[in-house]
Structure formats: structure tokens, C-alpha cells
Amino acid sequence: MEITRKPPRAHESRSHLSSSAFAFPADRKEPLTDAAHVRSAIARFSQVDGVDNAERAQAFENIKAAAEYYSVHLNAHPWHDLVA
């Protein structure tokens, strides 16, 4: 799965963020703009409605990339580990 996430420019408002700054880029859900937002995206991953398994897989790859970028520990390997 290709990672679509790209780090946002500093001080961009959510409305000006590129879709690539979100875990779920097509729906612009769960911004990944800093470590706190990455942790929030991990915690809320299973709560995101209206997405299919392919979108969840893509989002998980984006979250993994952001977690590595911001040095956030991610204790899940397949995205299924985040869905309760």
C-alpha cells in the first residue's frame, strides 16, 4: 500500500491542509499534523465511520508514517489491531 501522507507546512489551518496531511485523505478525517494528532488518530481509528477496509489500510499506512516522523510509538502492526 502506498503512503499518501506528507508532512504539512508549519502553521497551516485545517481548511488549508493538503489532503495528504490526513490519515483518511479522501474524507479529510484525522489530521496528522503533530504528535498529539497522531495519537488521537490512533485512538479514534476504530470510530471513523463511512470508510471501507481499503481506506482503513491506507489510513493505517499514513498513521505509521506520521508516527515514525513524530516519534510516536505505535503498538499495532496490521490495522486490524486498532479495531475493537
N, C-alpha and C. Protein backbone atom coordinates (compact mmCIF):
# COMPACT_ATOMS: atom_id res chain seq x y z
N MET A 1 0.85 -1.17 0.00
CA MET A 1 0.00 0.00 0.00
C MET A 1 0.89 1.24 0.00
N GLU A 2 0.58 2.18 -0.85
CA GLU A 2 1.35 3.41 -0.98
C GLU A 2 0.97 4.39 0.14
N ILE A 3 1.96 5.04 0.70
CA ILE A 3 1.73 6.05 1.74
C ILE A 3 1.40 7.36 1.04
N THR A 4 0.28 7.98 1.39
CA THR A 4 -0.10 9.25 0.78
C THR A 4 0.24 10.44 1.68
N ARG A 5 0.60 10.18 2.93
CA ARG A 5 0.85 11.24 3.89
C ARG A 5 2.11 12.02 3.57
N LYS A 6 1.98 13.34 3.62
CA LYS A 6 3.13 14.24 3.51
C LYS A 6 3.03 15.23 4.66
N PRO A 7 4.14 15.55 5.32
CA PRO A 7 4.07 16.50 6.44
C PRO A 7 3.52 17.85 5.99
N PRO A 8 2.65 18.45 6.78
CA PRO A 8 2.10 19.75 6.41
C PRO A 8 3.12 20.86 6.62
N ARG A 9 2.88 21.97 5.98
CA ARG A 9 3.70 23.15 6.24
C ARG A 9 3.33 23.71 7.60
N ALA A 10 4.26 24.35 8.23
CA ALA A 10 4.03 24.90 9.57
C ALA A 10 2.89 25.92 9.56
N HIS A 11 2.07 25.87 10.58
CA HIS A 11 1.02 26.86 10.85
C HIS A 11 -0.08 26.92 9.80
N GLU A 12 -0.36 25.81 9.12
CA GLU A 12 -1.48 25.78 8.19
C GLU A 12 -2.76 25.49 8.97
N SER A 13 -3.83 26.19 8.63
CA SER A 13 -5.11 25.89 9.25
C SER A 13 -5.65 24.62 8.61
N ARG A 14 -6.56 23.95 9.30
CA ARG A 14 -7.10 22.68 8.80
C ARG A 14 -7.71 22.84 7.41
N SER A 15 -8.38 23.93 7.17
CA SER A 15 -9.02 24.13 5.86
C SER A 15 -8.00 24.31 4.74
N HIS A 16 -6.78 24.69 5.08
CA HIS A 16 -5.74 24.89 4.07
C HIS A 16 -4.80 23.69 3.95
N LEU A 17 -5.00 22.68 4.78
CA LEU A 17 -4.14 21.49 4.72
C LEU A 17 -4.40 20.70 3.44
N SER A 18 -3.37 20.16 2.90
CA SER A 18 -3.49 19.24 1.77
C SER A 18 -4.16 17.97 2.27
N SER A 19 -4.86 17.28 1.41
CA SER A 19 -5.49 16.02 1.79
C SER A 19 -4.46 15.01 2.29
N SER A 20 -3.21 15.15 1.82
CA SER A 20 -2.17 14.22 2.23
C SER A 20 -1.76 14.38 3.68
N ALA A 21 -2.27 15.39 4.37
CA ALA A 21 -1.97 15.60 5.79
C ALA A 21 -2.94 14.85 6.70
N PHE A 22 -3.85 14.08 6.12
CA PHE A 22 -4.87 13.37 6.88
C PHE A 22 -4.66 11.86 6.80
N ALA A 23 -5.04 11.16 7.86
CA ALA A 23 -4.97 9.70 7.84
C ALA A 23 -5.91 9.16 6.76
N PHE A 24 -7.10 9.70 6.69
CA PHE A 24 -8.10 9.32 5.68
C PHE A 24 -8.20 10.48 4.68
N PRO A 25 -7.32 10.53 3.69
CA PRO A 25 -7.24 11.70 2.82
C PRO A 25 -8.49 11.98 1.99
N ALA A 26 -9.18 10.96 1.52
CA ALA A 26 -10.37 11.18 0.68
C ALA A 26 -11.46 11.90 1.45
N ASP A 27 -11.57 11.61 2.74
CA ASP A 27 -12.61 12.22 3.57
C ASP A 27 -12.08 13.35 4.45
N ARG A 28 -10.75 13.60 4.38
CA ARG A 28 -10.08 14.63 5.19
C ARG A 28 -10.39 14.42 6.68
N LYS A 29 -10.27 13.15 7.11
CA LYS A 29 -10.52 12.80 8.51
C LYS A 29 -9.21 12.50 9.20
N GLU A 30 -9.09 12.87 10.44
CA GLU A 30 -7.94 12.61 11.31
C GLU A 30 -6.65 13.24 10.78
N PRO A 31 -6.50 14.56 11.03
CA PRO A 31 -5.26 15.23 10.61
C PRO A 31 -4.05 14.65 11.35
N LEU A 32 -2.93 14.63 10.66
CA LEU A 32 -1.69 14.08 11.22
C LEU A 32 -0.63 15.19 11.24
N THR A 33 -0.94 16.27 11.92
CA THR A 33 -0.10 17.47 11.86
C THR A 33 0.94 17.58 12.97
N ASP A 34 0.81 16.76 14.00
CA ASP A 34 1.79 16.75 15.08
C ASP A 34 1.60 15.47 15.89
N ALA A 35 2.46 15.27 16.88
CA ALA A 35 2.42 14.03 17.66
C ALA A 35 1.07 13.83 18.36
N ALA A 36 0.50 14.90 18.88
CA ALA A 36 -0.80 14.79 19.58
C ALA A 36 -1.90 14.34 18.62
N HIS A 37 -1.90 14.87 17.40
CA HIS A 37 -2.91 14.46 16.42
C HIS A 37 -2.69 13.02 15.96
N VAL A 38 -1.45 12.59 15.89
CA VAL A 38 -1.17 11.20 15.53
C VAL A 38 -1.72 10.27 16.60
N ARG A 39 -1.47 10.61 17.87
CA ARG A 39 -2.01 9.80 18.97
C ARG A 39 -3.54 9.78 18.92
N SER A 40 -4.14 10.90 18.62
CA SER A 40 -5.60 10.98 18.51
C SER A 40 -6.11 10.11 17.36
N ALA A 41 -5.42 10.13 16.23
CA ALA A 41 -5.83 9.31 15.08
C ALA A 41 -5.74 7.83 15.42
N ILE A 42 -4.73 7.46 16.18
CA ILE A 42 -4.60 6.06 16.60
C ILE A 42 -5.76 5.69 17.52
N ALA A 43 -6.06 6.55 18.48
CA ALA A 43 -7.12 6.28 19.45
C ALA A 43 -8.50 6.25 18.80
N ARG A 44 -8.72 7.05 17.78
CA ARG A 44 -10.04 7.16 17.15
C ARG A 44 -10.19 6.32 15.89
N PHE A 45 -9.15 5.59 15.53
CA PHE A 45 -9.14 4.83 14.28
C PHE A 45 -10.41 3.99 14.10
N SER A 46 -10.81 3.27 15.12
CA SER A 46 -11.98 2.39 15.00
C SER A 46 -13.30 3.15 15.01
N GLN A 47 -13.27 4.43 15.36
CA GLN A 47 -14.50 5.21 15.45
C GLN A 47 -14.85 5.93 14.15
N VAL A 48 -13.94 5.92 13.17
CA VAL A 48 -14.19 6.62 11.91
C VAL A 48 -15.24 5.84 11.12
N ASP A 49 -16.32 6.53 10.80
CA ASP A 49 -17.43 5.92 10.06
C ASP A 49 -17.34 6.25 8.57
N GLY A 50 -17.99 5.42 7.77
CA GLY A 50 -18.12 5.70 6.35
C GLY A 50 -16.88 5.41 5.52
N VAL A 51 -16.00 4.55 6.02
CA VAL A 51 -14.80 4.18 5.26
C VAL A 51 -14.76 2.66 5.10
N ASP A 52 -14.18 2.20 4.00
CA ASP A 52 -14.09 0.76 3.77
C ASP A 52 -12.72 0.25 4.22
N ASN A 53 -12.53 -1.05 4.08
CA ASN A 53 -11.28 -1.68 4.53
C ASN A 53 -10.06 -1.15 3.78
N ALA A 54 -10.20 -0.86 2.51
CA ALA A 54 -9.08 -0.31 1.74
C ALA A 54 -8.69 1.07 2.27
N GLU A 55 -9.68 1.87 2.61
CA GLU A 55 -9.40 3.20 3.18
C GLU A 55 -8.76 3.07 4.56
N ARG A 56 -9.20 2.09 5.34
CA ARG A 56 -8.57 1.87 6.66
C ARG A 56 -7.11 1.42 6.50
N ALA A 57 -6.86 0.55 5.53
CA ALA A 57 -5.49 0.10 5.28
C ALA A 57 -4.62 1.28 4.88
N GLN A 58 -5.14 2.14 4.00
CA GLN A 58 -4.40 3.34 3.57
C GLN A 58 -4.16 4.26 4.76
N ALA A 59 -5.18 4.48 5.56
CA ALA A 59 -5.05 5.35 6.73
C ALA A 59 -4.01 4.82 7.70
N PHE A 60 -3.98 3.51 7.88
CA PHE A 60 -3.02 2.91 8.80
C PHE A 60 -1.59 3.16 8.29
N GLU A 61 -1.37 3.04 6.99
CA GLU A 61 -0.04 3.32 6.44
C GLU A 61 0.34 4.79 6.66
N ASN A 62 -0.63 5.68 6.49
CA ASN A 62 -0.38 7.11 6.73
C ASN A 62 -0.08 7.37 8.20
N ILE A 63 -0.81 6.71 9.08
CA ILE A 63 -0.58 6.87 10.53
C ILE A 63 0.79 6.34 10.90
N LYS A 64 1.17 5.18 10.35
CA LYS A 64 2.50 4.63 10.63
C LYS A 64 3.60 5.60 10.21
N ALA A 65 3.45 6.19 9.02
CA ALA A 65 4.45 7.14 8.53
C ALA A 65 4.52 8.37 9.44
N ALA A 66 3.36 8.87 9.84
CA ALA A 66 3.33 10.04 10.72
C ALA A 66 3.89 9.70 12.10
N ALA A 67 3.57 8.52 12.60
CA ALA A 67 4.08 8.10 13.91
C ALA A 67 5.60 8.03 13.88
N GLU A 68 6.15 7.51 12.81
CA GLU A 68 7.61 7.46 12.70
C GLU A 68 8.19 8.87 12.62
N TYR A 69 7.57 9.73 11.83
CA TYR A 69 8.04 11.11 11.64
C TYR A 69 8.05 11.88 12.96
N TYR A 70 6.98 11.71 13.76
CA TYR A 70 6.85 12.44 15.03
C TYR A 70 7.32 11.64 16.24
N SER A 71 7.94 10.48 16.02
CA SER A 71 8.45 9.62 17.09
C SER A 71 7.37 9.20 18.08
N VAL A 72 6.23 8.79 17.54
CA VAL A 72 5.12 8.28 18.34
C VAL A 72 5.15 6.77 18.26
N HIS A 73 5.13 6.11 19.39
CA HIS A 73 5.15 4.64 19.42
C HIS A 73 3.79 4.10 18.98
N LEU A 74 3.80 3.21 18.02
CA LEU A 74 2.58 2.57 17.52
C LEU A 74 2.70 1.09 17.81
N ASN A 75 1.84 0.60 18.70
CA ASN A 75 1.92 -0.79 19.15
C ASN A 75 0.94 -1.68 18.39
N ALA A 76 0.74 -1.40 17.11
CA ALA A 76 -0.14 -2.21 16.27
C ALA A 76 0.61 -2.47 14.96
N HIS A 77 0.43 -3.66 14.42
CA HIS A 77 1.12 -3.95 13.17
C HIS A 77 0.14 -4.02 12.02
N PRO A 78 -0.82 -4.93 11.99
CA PRO A 78 -1.86 -4.76 10.99
C PRO A 78 -2.92 -3.78 11.52
N TRP A 79 -3.60 -3.10 10.62
CA TRP A 79 -4.59 -2.11 11.07
C TRP A 79 -5.71 -2.76 11.87
N HIS A 80 -5.92 -4.03 11.67
CA HIS A 80 -6.98 -4.74 12.40
C HIS A 80 -6.77 -4.67 13.91
N ASP A 81 -5.51 -4.50 14.35
CA ASP A 81 -5.22 -4.40 15.78
C ASP A 81 -5.84 -3.16 16.42
N LEU A 82 -6.17 -2.15 15.60
CA LEU A 82 -6.73 -0.90 16.12
C LEU A 82 -8.26 -0.91 16.14
N VAL A 83 -8.86 -1.93 15.55
CA VAL A 83 -10.32 -2.00 15.50
C VAL A 83 -10.79 -2.99 16.56
N ALA A 84 -11.60 -2.49 17.46
CA ALA A 84 -12.07 -3.34 18.57
C ALA A 84 -13.25 -4.18 18.17
